[in-house]
Amino acid sequence: MGEYLALAEAGVEMRKKFWAPELVFLEGGLTPERFRGRMGAMLDCLVIQEKPEKELELYWIGPGTAVVSETAAQYLGSFQSALHFVSAR
């Protein structure tokens, strides 16, 4: 839960400084590399990409606010999955 709280607090601080971070994605041409760079500069973020033959690629990007270790990434991923499961009911 500590990792999740660190992520939530970082998100609040980011919104205080930059009320609409989504606008960053409208600046200039957006290539996959630029998207990853812009997203990675904001907050830790779980990226889920579907690949050919229904394989999934999961990885974390970001400045390391909450995802400071593989264990923290697993905790956050489990928590996110649980939230998704509960909201889908």
PDB file of N, CA and C in Angstrom:
ATOM      1  N   MET A   1       0.821  -1.189   0.000  1.00  0.00           N
ATOM      2  CA  MET A   1       0.000   0.000   0.000  1.00  0.00           C
ATOM      3  C   MET A   1       0.871   1.261   0.000  1.00  0.00           C
ATOM      4  N   GLY A   2       2.063   1.149   0.604  1.00  0.00           N
ATOM      5  CA  GLY A   2       2.965   2.295   0.649  1.00  0.00           C
ATOM      6  C   GLY A   2       3.387   2.754  -0.733  1.00  0.00           C
ATOM      7  N   GLU A   3       3.633   1.785  -1.624  1.00  0.00           N
ATOM      8  CA  GLU A   3       4.009   2.130  -2.999  1.00  0.00           C
ATOM      9  C   GLU A   3       2.857   2.856  -3.698  1.00  0.00           C
ATOM     10  N   TYR A   4       1.637   2.386  -3.469  1.00  0.00           N
ATOM     11  CA  TYR A   4       0.472   3.013  -4.101  1.00  0.00           C
ATOM     12  C   TYR A   4       0.294   4.434  -3.571  1.00  0.00           C
ATOM     13  N   LEU A   5       0.451   4.627  -2.268  1.00  0.00           N
ATOM     14  CA  LEU A   5       0.315   5.967  -1.692  1.00  0.00           C
ATOM     15  C   LEU A   5       1.384   6.913  -2.228  1.00  0.00           C
ATOM     16  N   ALA A   6       2.602   6.420  -2.389  1.00  0.00           N
ATOM     17  CA  ALA A   6       3.666   7.252  -2.958  1.00  0.00           C
ATOM     18  C   ALA A   6       3.310   7.683  -4.377  1.00  0.00           C
ATOM     19  N   LEU A   7       2.724   6.763  -5.132  1.00  0.00           N
ATOM     20  CA  LEU A   7       2.322   7.072  -6.504  1.00  0.00           C
ATOM     21  C   LEU A   7       1.177   8.091  -6.519  1.00  0.00           C
ATOM     22  N   ALA A   8       0.190   7.899  -5.635  1.00  0.00           N
ATOM     23  CA  ALA A   8      -0.941   8.833  -5.563  1.00  0.00           C
ATOM     24  C   ALA A   8      -0.480  10.221  -5.134  1.00  0.00           C
ATOM     25  N   GLU A   9       0.402  10.288  -4.149  1.00  0.00           N
ATOM     26  CA  GLU A   9       0.905  11.586  -3.690  1.00  0.00           C
ATOM     27  C   GLU A   9       1.707  12.288  -4.777  1.00  0.00           C
ATOM     28  N   ALA A  10       2.500  11.527  -5.528  1.00  0.00           N
ATOM     29  CA  ALA A  10       3.264  12.115  -6.631  1.00  0.00           C
ATOM     30  C   ALA A  10       2.316  12.639  -7.707  1.00  0.00           C
ATOM     31  N   GLY A  11       1.229  11.938  -7.948  1.00  0.00           N
ATOM     32  CA  GLY A  11       0.240  12.394  -8.928  1.00  0.00           C
ATOM     33  C   GLY A  11      -0.421  13.692  -8.511  1.00  0.00           C
ATOM     34  N   VAL A  12      -0.733  13.813  -7.238  1.00  0.00           N
ATOM     35  CA  VAL A  12      -1.329  15.062  -6.723  1.00  0.00           C
ATOM     36  C   VAL A  12      -0.349  16.218  -6.882  1.00  0.00           C
ATOM     37  N   GLU A  13       0.907  15.988  -6.528  1.00  0.00           N
ATOM     38  CA  GLU A  13       1.920  17.040  -6.658  1.00  0.00           C
ATOM     39  C   GLU A  13       2.109  17.448  -8.116  1.00  0.00           C
ATOM     40  N   MET A  14       2.092  16.472  -9.017  1.00  0.00           N
ATOM     41  CA  MET A  14       2.238  16.782 -10.436  1.00  0.00           C
ATOM     42  C   MET A  14       1.075  17.642 -10.917  1.00  0.00           C
ATOM     43  N   ARG A  15      -0.147  17.302 -10.504  1.00  0.00           N
ATOM     44  CA  ARG A  15      -1.322  18.089 -10.897  1.00  0.00           C
ATOM     45  C   ARG A  15      -1.275  19.504 -10.330  1.00  0.00           C
ATOM     46  N   LYS A  16      -0.707  19.675  -9.156  1.00  0.00           N
ATOM     47  CA  LYS A  16      -0.583  21.017  -8.581  1.00  0.00           C
ATOM     48  C   LYS A  16       0.321  21.892  -9.448  1.00  0.00           C
ATOM     49  N   LYS A  17       1.396  21.303  -9.956  1.00  0.00           N
ATOM     50  CA  LYS A  17       2.364  22.054 -10.755  1.00  0.00           C
ATOM     51  C   LYS A  17       1.930  22.188 -12.209  1.00  0.00           C
ATOM     52  N   PHE A  18       1.259  21.174 -12.726  1.00  0.00           N
ATOM     53  CA  PHE A  18       0.898  21.137 -14.138  1.00  0.00           C
ATOM     54  C   PHE A  18      -0.519  20.590 -14.245  1.00  0.00           C
ATOM     55  N   TRP A  19      -1.490  21.483 -14.295  1.00  0.00           N
ATOM     56  CA  TRP A  19      -2.892  21.095 -14.157  1.00  0.00           C
ATOM     57  C   TRP A  19      -3.388  20.163 -15.255  1.00  0.00           C
ATOM     58  N   ALA A  20      -2.767  20.163 -16.428  1.00  0.00           N
ATOM     59  CA  ALA A  20      -3.220  19.307 -17.525  1.00  0.00           C
ATOM     60  C   ALA A  20      -2.030  18.629 -18.200  1.00  0.00           C
ATOM     61  N   PRO A  21      -1.446  17.641 -17.556  1.00  0.00           N
ATOM     62  CA  PRO A  21      -0.280  16.983 -18.159  1.00  0.00           C
ATOM     63  C   PRO A  21      -0.605  16.286 -19.485  1.00  0.00           C
ATOM     64  N   GLU A  22      -1.880  16.022 -19.722  1.00  0.00           N
ATOM     65  CA  GLU A  22      -2.276  15.389 -20.990  1.00  0.00           C
ATOM     66  C   GLU A  22      -1.913  16.250 -22.202  1.00  0.00           C
ATOM     67  N   LEU A  23      -1.811  17.564 -21.995  1.00  0.00           N
ATOM     68  CA  LEU A  23      -1.485  18.468 -23.099  1.00  0.00           C
ATOM     69  C   LEU A  23      -0.092  18.207 -23.663  1.00  0.00           C
ATOM     70  N   VAL A  24       0.794  17.609 -22.857  1.00  0.00           N
ATOM     71  CA  VAL A  24       2.145  17.293 -23.318  1.00  0.00           C
ATOM     72  C   VAL A  24       2.091  16.379 -24.543  1.00  0.00           C
ATOM     73  N   PHE A  25       1.072  15.523 -24.610  1.00  0.00           N
ATOM     74  CA  PHE A  25       0.972  14.566 -25.714  1.00  0.00           C
ATOM     75  C   PHE A  25       0.486  15.207 -27.010  1.00  0.00           C
ATOM     76  N   LEU A  26       0.030  16.458 -26.943  1.00  0.00           N
ATOM     77  CA  LEU A  26      -0.423  17.155 -28.139  1.00  0.00           C
ATOM     78  C   LEU A  26       0.688  17.981 -28.783  1.00  0.00           C
ATOM     79  N   GLU A  27       1.810  18.113 -28.082  1.00  0.00           N
ATOM     80  CA  GLU A  27       2.920  18.927 -28.579  1.00  0.00           C
ATOM     81  C   GLU A  27       3.766  18.128 -29.565  1.00  0.00           C
ATOM     82  N   GLY A  28       3.904  18.648 -30.769  1.00  0.00           N
ATOM     83  CA  GLY A  28       4.770  18.005 -31.765  1.00  0.00           C
ATOM     84  C   GLY A  28       4.267  16.632 -32.181  1.00  0.00           C
ATOM     85  N   GLY A  29       5.000  16.000 -33.065  1.00  0.00           N
ATOM     86  CA  GLY A  29       4.645  14.658 -33.514  1.00  0.00           C
ATOM     87  C   GLY A  29       4.869  13.653 -32.398  1.00  0.00           C
ATOM     88  N   LEU A  30       3.986  12.710 -32.289  1.00  0.00           N
ATOM     89  CA  LEU A  30       4.081  11.740 -31.201  1.00  0.00           C
ATOM     90  C   LEU A  30       4.464  10.378 -31.762  1.00  0.00           C
ATOM     91  N   THR A  31       5.706  10.014 -31.568  1.00  0.00           N
ATOM     92  CA  THR A  31       6.192   8.702 -31.963  1.00  0.00           C
ATOM     93  C   THR A  31       6.156   7.798 -30.725  1.00  0.00           C
ATOM     94  N   PRO A  32       6.281   6.499 -30.904  1.00  0.00           N
ATOM     95  CA  PRO A  32       6.320   5.630 -29.712  1.00  0.00           C
ATOM     96  C   PRO A  32       7.427   6.016 -28.733  1.00  0.00           C
ATOM     97  N   GLU A  33       8.573   6.419 -29.250  1.00  0.00           N
ATOM     98  CA  GLU A  33       9.681   6.808 -28.379  1.00  0.00           C
ATOM     99  C   GLU A  33       9.355   8.095 -27.616  1.00  0.00           C
ATOM    100  N   ARG A  34       8.751   9.062 -28.288  1.00  0.00           N
ATOM    101  CA  ARG A  34       8.383  10.309 -27.611  1.00  0.00           C
ATOM    102  C   ARG A  34       7.297  10.064 -26.570  1.00  0.00           C
ATOM    103  N   PHE A  35       6.333   9.209 -26.908  1.00  0.00           N
ATOM    104  CA  PHE A  35       5.288   8.876 -25.938  1.00  0.00           C
ATOM    105  C   PHE A  35       5.911   8.274 -24.687  1.00  0.00           C
ATOM    106  N   ARG A  36       6.784   7.305 -24.872  1.00  0.00           N
ATOM    107  CA  ARG A  36       7.429   6.636 -23.740  1.00  0.00           C
ATOM    108  C   ARG A  36       8.247   7.636 -22.931  1.00  0.00           C
ATOM    109  N   GLY A  37       8.956   8.524 -23.612  1.00  0.00           N
ATOM    110  CA  GLY A  37       9.761   9.531 -22.923  1.00  0.00           C
ATOM    111  C   GLY A  37       8.918  10.519 -22.142  1.00  0.00           C
ATOM    112  N   ARG A  38       7.843  10.998 -22.759  1.00  0.00           N
ATOM    113  CA  ARG A  38       6.981  11.966 -22.070  1.00  0.00           C
ATOM    114  C   ARG A  38       6.256  11.320 -20.900  1.00  0.00           C
ATOM    115  N   MET A  39       5.760  10.118 -21.117  1.00  0.00           N
ATOM    116  CA  MET A  39       5.072   9.405 -20.050  1.00  0.00           C
ATOM    117  C   MET A  39       6.046   9.069 -18.925  1.00  0.00           C
ATOM    118  N   GLY A  40       7.228   8.627 -19.293  1.00  0.00           N
ATOM    119  CA  GLY A  40       8.226   8.246 -18.304  1.00  0.00           C
ATOM    120  C   GLY A  40       8.737   9.388 -17.466  1.00  0.00           C
ATOM    121  N   ALA A  41       8.587  10.613 -17.951  1.00  0.00           N
ATOM    122  CA  ALA A  41       9.039  11.779 -17.195  1.00  0.00           C
ATOM    123  C   ALA A  41       8.001  12.220 -16.159  1.00  0.00           C
ATOM    124  N   MET A  42       6.787  11.692 -16.264  1.00  0.00           N
ATOM    125  CA  MET A  42       5.718  12.140 -15.370  1.00  0.00           C
ATOM    126  C   MET A  42       5.642  11.311 -14.090  1.00  0.00           C
ATOM    127  N   LEU A  43       5.102  10.115 -14.199  1.00  0.00           N
ATOM    128  CA  LEU A  43       4.895   9.235 -13.056  1.00  0.00           C
ATOM    129  C   LEU A  43       5.209   7.814 -13.460  1.00  0.00           C
ATOM    130  N   ASP A  44       5.391   6.978 -12.472  1.00  0.00           N
ATOM    131  CA  ASP A  44       5.533   5.555 -12.759  1.00  0.00           C
ATOM    132  C   ASP A  44       4.225   5.072 -13.390  1.00  0.00           C
ATOM    133  N   CYS A  45       4.351   4.259 -14.399  1.00  0.00           N
ATOM    134  CA  CYS A  45       3.172   3.862 -15.161  1.00  0.00           C
ATOM    135  C   CYS A  45       3.332   2.434 -15.666  1.00  0.00           C
ATOM    136  N   LEU A  46       2.316   1.634 -15.463  1.00  0.00           N
ATOM    137  CA  LEU A  46       2.307   0.287 -16.005  1.00  0.00           C
ATOM    138  C   LEU A  46       1.824   0.353 -17.450  1.00  0.00           C
ATOM    139  N   VAL A  47       2.623  -0.157 -18.357  1.00  0.00           N
ATOM    140  CA  VAL A  47       2.259  -0.187 -19.772  1.00  0.00           C
ATOM    141  C   VAL A  47       1.892  -1.620 -20.129  1.00  0.00           C
ATOM    142  N   ILE A  48       0.719  -1.779 -20.718  1.00  0.00           N
ATOM    143  CA  ILE A  48       0.268  -3.096 -21.159  1.00  0.00           C
ATOM    144  C   ILE A  48       0.027  -3.002 -22.663  1.00  0.00           C
ATOM    145  N   GLN A  49       0.761  -3.775 -23.421  1.00  0.00           N
ATOM    146  CA  GLN A  49       0.619  -3.770 -24.874  1.00  0.00           C
ATOM    147  C   GLN A  49       0.273  -5.170 -25.351  1.00  0.00           C
ATOM    148  N   GLU A  50      -0.761  -5.252 -26.182  1.00  0.00           N
ATOM    149  CA  GLU A  50      -1.087  -6.537 -26.781  1.00  0.00           C
ATOM    150  C   GLU A  50      -0.217  -6.723 -28.009  1.00  0.00           C
ATOM    151  N   LYS A  51       0.387  -7.868 -28.107  1.00  0.00           N
ATOM    152  CA  LYS A  51       1.283  -8.201 -29.207  1.00  0.00           C
ATOM    153  C   LYS A  51       0.596  -9.227 -30.111  1.00  0.00           C
ATOM    154  N   PRO A  52       1.220  -9.537 -31.252  1.00  0.00           N
ATOM    155  CA  PRO A  52       0.631 -10.547 -32.132  1.00  0.00           C
ATOM    156  C   PRO A  52       0.369 -11.855 -31.382  1.00  0.00           C
ATOM    157  N   GLU A  53      -0.629 -12.551 -31.823  1.00  0.00           N
ATOM    158  CA  GLU A  53      -1.029 -13.834 -31.245  1.00  0.00           C
ATOM    159  C   GLU A  53      -1.454 -13.693 -29.785  1.00  0.00           C
ATOM    160  N   LYS A  54      -2.040 -12.535 -29.469  1.00  0.00           N
ATOM    161  CA  LYS A  54      -2.636 -12.253 -28.162  1.00  0.00           C
ATOM    162  C   LYS A  54      -1.661 -12.327 -26.983  1.00  0.00           C
ATOM    163  N   GLU A  55      -0.381 -12.180 -27.259  1.00  0.00           N
ATOM    164  CA  GLU A  55       0.588 -12.105 -26.174  1.00  0.00           C
ATOM    165  C   GLU A  55       0.564 -10.699 -25.604  1.00  0.00           C
ATOM    166  N   LEU A  56       0.838 -10.593 -24.325  1.00  0.00           N
ATOM    167  CA  LEU A  56       0.871  -9.293 -23.667  1.00  0.00           C
ATOM    168  C   LEU A  56       2.283  -8.964 -23.229  1.00  0.00           C
ATOM    169  N   GLU A  57       2.622  -7.704 -23.381  1.00  0.00           N
ATOM    170  CA  GLU A  57       3.893  -7.202 -22.868  1.00  0.00           C
ATOM    171  C   GLU A  57       3.567  -6.209 -21.768  1.00  0.00           C
ATOM    172  N   LEU A  58       4.082  -6.438 -20.585  1.00  0.00           N
ATOM    173  CA  LEU A  58       3.862  -5.560 -19.458  1.00  0.00           C
ATOM    174  C   LEU A  58       5.200  -5.025 -18.975  1.00  0.00           C
ATOM    175  N   TYR A  59       5.280  -3.721 -18.752  1.00  0.00           N
ATOM    176  CA  TYR A  59       6.496  -3.147 -18.188  1.00  0.00           C
ATOM    177  C   TYR A  59       6.168  -1.808 -17.536  1.00  0.00           C
ATOM    178  N   TRP A  60       7.024  -1.378 -16.639  1.00  0.00           N
ATOM    179  CA  TRP A  60       6.856  -0.114 -15.931  1.00  0.00           C
ATOM    180  C   TRP A  60       7.826   0.908 -16.495  1.00  0.00           C
ATOM    181  N   ILE A  61       7.341   2.124 -16.661  1.00  0.00           N
ATOM    182  CA  ILE A  61       8.211   3.237 -17.011  1.00  0.00           C
ATOM    183  C   ILE A  61       7.963   4.343 -15.998  1.00  0.00           C
ATOM    184  N   GLY A  62       8.851   5.272 -15.913  1.00  0.00           N
ATOM    185  CA  GLY A  62       8.653   6.406 -15.022  1.00  0.00           C
ATOM    186  C   GLY A  62       9.917   6.769 -14.277  1.00  0.00           C
ATOM    187  N   PRO A  63       9.826   7.827 -13.486  1.00  0.00           N
ATOM    188  CA  PRO A  63      10.999   8.326 -12.775  1.00  0.00           C
ATOM    189  C   PRO A  63      11.355   7.525 -11.528  1.00  0.00           C
ATOM    190  N   GLY A  64      10.633   6.468 -11.226  1.00  0.00           N
ATOM    191  CA  GLY A  64      10.960   5.663 -10.046  1.00  0.00           C
ATOM    192  C   GLY A  64      10.410   6.226  -8.755  1.00  0.00           C
ATOM    193  N   THR A  65       9.242   6.857  -8.826  1.00  0.00           N
ATOM    194  CA  THR A  65       8.611   7.418  -7.632  1.00  0.00           C
ATOM    195  C   THR A  65       8.174   6.314  -6.681  1.00  0.00           C
ATOM    196  N   ALA A  66       7.513   5.309  -7.206  1.00  0.00           N
ATOM    197  CA  ALA A  66       7.004   4.213  -6.384  1.00  0.00           C
ATOM    198  C   ALA A  66       7.597   2.877  -6.801  1.00  0.00           C
ATOM    199  N   VAL A  67       7.872   2.723  -8.079  1.00  0.00           N
ATOM    200  CA  VAL A  67       8.395   1.452  -8.573  1.00  0.00           C
ATOM    201  C   VAL A  67       9.916   1.487  -8.454  1.00  0.00           C
ATOM    202  N   VAL A  68      10.363   1.240  -7.257  1.00  0.00           N
ATOM    203  CA  VAL A  68      11.791   1.317  -6.970  1.00  0.00           C
ATOM    204  C   VAL A  68      12.465  -0.055  -7.005  1.00  0.00           C
ATOM    205  N   SER A  69      11.655  -1.099  -7.171  1.00  0.00           N
ATOM    206  CA  SER A  69      12.193  -2.448  -7.228  1.00  0.00           C
ATOM    207  C   SER A  69      11.204  -3.354  -7.952  1.00  0.00           C
ATOM    208  N   GLU A  70      11.652  -4.534  -8.306  1.00  0.00           N
ATOM    209  CA  GLU A  70      10.765  -5.510  -8.939  1.00  0.00           C
ATOM    210  C   GLU A  70       9.627  -5.901  -7.994  1.00  0.00           C
ATOM    211  N   THR A  71       9.930  -5.972  -6.716  1.00  0.00           N
ATOM    212  CA  THR A  71       8.903  -6.304  -5.723  1.00  0.00           C
ATOM    213  C   THR A  71       7.820  -5.222  -5.691  1.00  0.00           C
ATOM    214  N   ALA A  72       8.225  -3.955  -5.688  1.00  0.00           N
ATOM    215  CA  ALA A  72       7.255  -2.857  -5.691  1.00  0.00           C
ATOM    216  C   ALA A  72       6.401  -2.912  -6.951  1.00  0.00           C
ATOM    217  N   ALA A  73       6.998  -3.213  -8.090  1.00  0.00           N
ATOM    218  CA  ALA A  73       6.247  -3.323  -9.341  1.00  0.00           C
ATOM    219  C   ALA A  73       5.228  -4.450  -9.252  1.00  0.00           C
ATOM    220  N   GLN A  74       5.613  -5.571  -8.646  1.00  0.00           N
ATOM    221  CA  GLN A  74       4.676  -6.681  -8.490  1.00  0.00           C
ATOM    222  C   GLN A  74       3.529  -6.300  -7.564  1.00  0.00           C
ATOM    223  N   TYR A  75       3.824  -5.600  -6.482  1.00  0.00           N
ATOM    224  CA  TYR A  75       2.766  -5.163  -5.564  1.00  0.00           C
ATOM    225  C   TYR A  75       1.777  -4.241  -6.275  1.00  0.00           C
ATOM    226  N   LEU A  76       2.309  -3.254  -6.974  1.00  0.00           N
ATOM    227  CA  LEU A  76       1.440  -2.309  -7.674  1.00  0.00           C
ATOM    228  C   LEU A  76       0.643  -2.993  -8.787  1.00  0.00           C
ATOM    229  N   GLY A  77       1.286  -3.894  -9.505  1.00  0.00           N
ATOM    230  CA  GLY A  77       0.585  -4.630 -10.559  1.00  0.00           C
ATOM    231  C   GLY A  77      -0.539  -5.477 -10.003  1.00  0.00           C
ATOM    232  N   SER A  78      -0.305  -6.136  -8.884  1.00  0.00           N
ATOM    233  CA  SER A  78      -1.344  -6.942  -8.237  1.00  0.00           C
ATOM    234  C   SER A  78      -2.496  -6.066  -7.775  1.00  0.00           C
ATOM    235  N   PHE A  79      -2.161  -4.934  -7.181  1.00  0.00           N
ATOM    236  CA  PHE A  79      -3.193  -4.014  -6.694  1.00  0.00           C
ATOM    237  C   PHE A  79      -4.014  -3.469  -7.857  1.00  0.00           C
ATOM    238  N   GLN A  80      -3.338  -3.085  -8.942  1.00  0.00           N
ATOM    239  CA  GLN A  80      -4.037  -2.569 -10.116  1.00  0.00           C
ATOM    240  C   GLN A  80      -4.957  -3.635 -10.708  1.00  0.00           C
ATOM    241  N   SER A  81      -4.501  -4.866 -10.769  1.00  0.00           N
ATOM    242  CA  SER A  81      -5.324  -5.955 -11.289  1.00  0.00           C
ATOM    243  C   SER A  81      -6.558  -6.172 -10.422  1.00  0.00           C
ATOM    244  N   ALA A  82      -6.369  -6.102  -9.110  1.00  0.00           N
ATOM    245  CA  ALA A  82      -7.501  -6.268  -8.195  1.00  0.00           C
ATOM    246  C   ALA A  82      -8.526  -5.158  -8.393  1.00  0.00           C
ATOM    247  N   LEU A  83      -8.052  -3.913  -8.533  1.00  0.00           N
ATOM    248  CA  LEU A  83      -8.976  -2.798  -8.783  1.00  0.00           C
ATOM    249  C   LEU A  83      -9.734  -2.993 -10.087  1.00  0.00           C
ATOM    250  N   HIS A  84      -9.024  -3.439 -11.107  1.00  0.00           N
ATOM    251  CA  HIS A  84      -9.658  -3.680 -12.408  1.00  0.00           C
ATOM    252  C   HIS A  84     -10.730  -4.754 -12.285  1.00  0.00           C
ATOM    253  N   PHE A  85     -10.412  -5.840 -11.589  1.00  0.00           N
ATOM    254  CA  PHE A  85     -11.354  -6.941 -11.429  1.00  0.00           C
ATOM    255  C   PHE A  85     -12.612  -6.474 -10.686  1.00  0.00           C
ATOM    256  N   VAL A  86     -12.429  -5.709  -9.611  1.00  0.00           N
ATOM    257  CA  VAL A  86     -13.551  -5.234  -8.835  1.00  0.00           C
ATOM    258  C   VAL A  86     -14.422  -4.269  -9.641  1.00  0.00           C
ATOM    259  N   SER A  87     -13.794  -3.408 -10.435  1.00  0.00           N
ATOM    260  CA  SER A  87     -14.561  -2.425 -11.209  1.00  0.00           C
ATOM    261  C   SER A  87     -15.295  -3.055 -12.384  1.00  0.00           C
ATOM    262  N   ALA A  88     -14.871  -4.234 -12.820  1.00  0.00           N
ATOM    263  CA  ALA A  88     -15.504  -4.895 -13.962  1.00  0.00           C
ATOM    264  C   ALA A  88     -16.758  -5.656 -13.565  1.00  0.00           C
ATOM    265  N   ARG A  89     -17.031  -5.755 -12.276  1.00  0.00           N
ATOM    266  CA  ARG A  89     -18.177  -6.518 -11.821  1.00  0.00           C
ATOM    267  C   ARG A  89     -19.460  -5.778 -12.000  1.00  0.00           C
TER     268      ARG A  89
END
